[in-house]
Amino acid sequence: MLAAAAADVPPPAEPAAYLTQGPSWPPRRYRDGVPEPELVFVVEEAPEGGYTARALGEAILTEADDLVELREMVRDAVVCHFDERDRPRVVRLHLVRDELLTV
């Protein structure tokens, strides 16, 4: 039964495709066959506390004390940066956390 279900699943894309998709990977959402614009922000913990969010491919940078406030700041920054017709409908926050372990 499990083998039959696996046969219906298409094979994954070539590994090189993962490297060439750019900041919009995973695949974009589509509406009427056209990809919706998506903007990716890299979110990192700031050394002095709080969080920073930096847009990939755009000159947008914002910061906040907590993640709830950061979401609002990102929305506001996107609205201010883009005209309404050019504004991405989807914003992805990619949280990056650097953690060191001793062994």
C-alpha atoms as a PDB file:
ATOM      1  CA  MET A   1       0.000   0.000   0.000  1.00  0.00           C
ATOM      2  CA  LEU A   2       2.756   2.445   0.934  1.00  0.00           C
ATOM      3  CA  ALA A   3       4.765   1.614  -2.202  1.00  0.00           C
ATOM      4  CA  ALA A   4       1.751   2.337  -4.415  1.00  0.00           C
ATOM      5  CA  ALA A   5       1.244   5.758  -2.815  1.00  0.00           C
ATOM      6  CA  ALA A   6       4.926   6.578  -3.271  1.00  0.00           C
ATOM      7  CA  ALA A   7       4.702   5.745  -6.971  1.00  0.00           C
ATOM      8  CA  ASP A   8       2.080   8.491  -7.415  1.00  0.00           C
ATOM      9  CA  VAL A   9       4.406  11.163  -6.028  1.00  0.00           C
ATOM     10  CA  PRO A  10       6.506  12.909  -8.686  1.00  0.00           C
ATOM     11  CA  PRO A  11      10.286  12.749  -8.230  1.00  0.00           C
ATOM     12  CA  PRO A  12      11.883  15.750  -6.494  1.00  0.00           C
ATOM     13  CA  ALA A  13      13.439  18.526  -8.532  1.00  0.00           C
ATOM     14  CA  GLU A  14      17.103  18.291  -9.433  1.00  0.00           C
ATOM     15  CA  PRO A  15      19.351  19.342  -6.517  1.00  0.00           C
ATOM     16  CA  ALA A  16      20.781  22.200  -8.591  1.00  0.00           C
ATOM     17  CA  ALA A  17      17.280  23.709  -8.789  1.00  0.00           C
ATOM     18  CA  TYR A  18      17.343  24.320  -5.036  1.00  0.00           C
ATOM     19  CA  LEU A  19      20.449  26.466  -5.439  1.00  0.00           C
ATOM     20  CA  THR A  20      19.170  28.539  -8.358  1.00  0.00           C
ATOM     21  CA  GLN A  21      15.727  29.445  -7.016  1.00  0.00           C
ATOM     22  CA  GLY A  22      16.999  32.457  -5.077  1.00  0.00           C
ATOM     23  CA  PRO A  23      15.207  34.132  -2.171  1.00  0.00           C
ATOM     24  CA  SER A  24      11.765  33.016  -3.306  1.00  0.00           C
ATOM     25  CA  TRP A  25      12.425  29.343  -2.559  1.00  0.00           C
ATOM     26  CA  PRO A  26      10.268  27.404  -1.584  1.00  0.00           C
ATOM     27  CA  PRO A  27       8.130  27.856  -4.692  1.00  0.00           C
ATOM     28  CA  ARG A  28       5.958  30.930  -4.886  1.00  0.00           C
ATOM     29  CA  ARG A  29       2.199  30.938  -4.518  1.00  0.00           C
ATOM     30  CA  TYR A  30       0.276  31.349  -7.763  1.00  0.00           C
ATOM     31  CA  ARG A  31      -2.914  33.225  -8.572  1.00  0.00           C
ATOM     32  CA  ASP A  32      -4.463  32.682 -12.013  1.00  0.00           C
ATOM     33  CA  GLY A  33      -1.251  31.039 -13.222  1.00  0.00           C
ATOM     34  CA  VAL A  34       0.936  34.038 -12.315  1.00  0.00           C
ATOM     35  CA  PRO A  35       3.368  33.883  -9.379  1.00  0.00           C
ATOM     36  CA  GLU A  36       2.467  36.228  -6.553  1.00  0.00           C
ATOM     37  CA  PRO A  37       5.316  38.515  -5.516  1.00  0.00           C
ATOM     38  CA  GLU A  38       7.007  37.336  -2.328  1.00  0.00           C
ATOM     39  CA  LEU A  39       9.534  39.174  -0.206  1.00  0.00           C
ATOM     40  CA  VAL A  40      11.849  37.331   2.204  1.00  0.00           C
ATOM     41  CA  PHE A  41      13.235  38.929   5.369  1.00  0.00           C
ATOM     42  CA  VAL A  42      16.136  37.420   7.305  1.00  0.00           C
ATOM     43  CA  VAL A  43      15.371  37.859  11.003  1.00  0.00           C
ATOM     44  CA  GLU A  44      18.203  37.702  13.521  1.00  0.00           C
ATOM     45  CA  GLU A  45      18.549  38.379  17.221  1.00  0.00           C
ATOM     46  CA  ALA A  46      20.318  41.708  17.733  1.00  0.00           C
ATOM     47  CA  PRO A  47      23.414  41.654  20.001  1.00  0.00           C
ATOM     48  CA  GLU A  48      21.978  44.476  22.105  1.00  0.00           C
ATOM     49  CA  GLY A  49      18.613  42.690  22.438  1.00  0.00           C
ATOM     50  CA  GLY A  50      15.549  42.522  20.265  1.00  0.00           C
ATOM     51  CA  TYR A  51      15.468  41.522  16.603  1.00  0.00           C
ATOM     52  CA  THR A  52      16.485  42.886  13.206  1.00  0.00           C
ATOM     53  CA  ALA A  53      14.840  42.044   9.890  1.00  0.00           C
ATOM     54  CA  ARG A  54      16.639  42.593   6.563  1.00  0.00           C
ATOM     55  CA  ALA A  55      14.889  42.131   3.212  1.00  0.00           C
ATOM     56  CA  LEU A  56      16.647  40.072   0.557  1.00  0.00           C
ATOM     57  CA  GLY A  57      16.939  41.962  -2.717  1.00  0.00           C
ATOM     58  CA  GLU A  58      15.530  45.232  -1.357  1.00  0.00           C
ATOM     59  CA  ALA A  59      16.964  48.032   0.774  1.00  0.00           C
ATOM     60  CA  ILE A  60      14.662  47.445   3.753  1.00  0.00           C
ATOM     61  CA  LEU A  61      15.896  47.048   7.318  1.00  0.00           C
ATOM     62  CA  THR A  62      13.847  47.282  10.501  1.00  0.00           C
ATOM     63  CA  GLU A  63      14.175  46.298  14.144  1.00  0.00           C
ATOM     64  CA  ALA A  64      11.989  45.722  17.194  1.00  0.00           C
ATOM     65  CA  ASP A  65      12.121  44.549  20.791  1.00  0.00           C
ATOM     66  CA  ASP A  66      10.069  41.365  20.243  1.00  0.00           C
ATOM     67  CA  LEU A  67       8.737  39.233  17.387  1.00  0.00           C
ATOM     68  CA  VAL A  68       5.165  40.530  17.652  1.00  0.00           C
ATOM     69  CA  GLU A  69       6.358  44.121  17.237  1.00  0.00           C
ATOM     70  CA  LEU A  70       8.798  43.061  14.503  1.00  0.00           C
ATOM     71  CA  ARG A  71       5.954  41.630  12.403  1.00  0.00           C
ATOM     72  CA  GLU A  72       4.177  44.979  12.565  1.00  0.00           C
ATOM     73  CA  MET A  73       7.373  46.870  11.748  1.00  0.00           C
ATOM     74  CA  VAL A  74       8.009  44.629   8.716  1.00  0.00           C
ATOM     75  CA  ARG A  75       4.465  45.172   7.424  1.00  0.00           C
ATOM     76  CA  ASP A  76       4.834  48.931   7.862  1.00  0.00           C
ATOM     77  CA  ALA A  77       8.246  48.959   6.153  1.00  0.00           C
ATOM     78  CA  VAL A  78       6.905  47.006   3.160  1.00  0.00           C
ATOM     79  CA  VAL A  79       3.897  49.336   2.811  1.00  0.00           C
ATOM     80  CA  CYS A  80       6.189  52.390   2.939  1.00  0.00           C
ATOM     81  CA  HIS A  81       8.771  50.948   0.521  1.00  0.00           C
ATOM     82  CA  PHE A  82       6.498  49.774  -2.311  1.00  0.00           C
ATOM     83  CA  ASP A  83       3.748  51.378  -4.365  1.00  0.00           C
ATOM     84  CA  GLU A  84       0.477  49.530  -3.912  1.00  0.00           C
ATOM     85  CA  ARG A  85       0.619  47.902  -7.360  1.00  0.00           C
ATOM     86  CA  ASP A  86       4.223  46.693  -6.852  1.00  0.00           C
ATOM     87  CA  ARG A  87       3.831  45.588  -3.234  1.00  0.00           C
ATOM     88  CA  PRO A  88       4.386  41.879  -2.536  1.00  0.00           C
ATOM     89  CA  ARG A  89       1.296  40.183  -1.151  1.00  0.00           C
ATOM     90  CA  VAL A  90       3.337  37.626   0.781  1.00  0.00           C
ATOM     91  CA  VAL A  91       6.202  38.347   3.167  1.00  0.00           C
ATOM     92  CA  ARG A  92       8.240  35.465   4.531  1.00  0.00           C
ATOM     93  CA  LEU A  93      10.182  35.893   7.784  1.00  0.00           C
ATOM     94  CA  HIS A  94      13.185  33.571   7.891  1.00  0.00           C
ATOM     95  CA  LEU A  95      14.355  33.379  11.500  1.00  0.00           C
ATOM     96  CA  VAL A  96      18.071  32.685  11.903  1.00  0.00           C
ATOM     97  CA  ARG A  97      19.470  31.752  15.280  1.00  0.00           C
ATOM     98  CA  ASP A  98      23.161  31.283  15.912  1.00  0.00           C
ATOM     99  CA  GLU A  99      23.838  28.883  18.770  1.00  0.00           C
ATOM    100  CA  LEU A 100      27.168  27.533  20.007  1.00  0.00           C
ATOM    101  CA  LEU A 101      27.529  24.194  21.752  1.00  0.00           C
ATOM    102  CA  THR A 102      30.505  23.028  23.762  1.00  0.00           C
ATOM    103  CA  VAL A 103      31.630  19.430  23.326  1.00  0.00           C
END
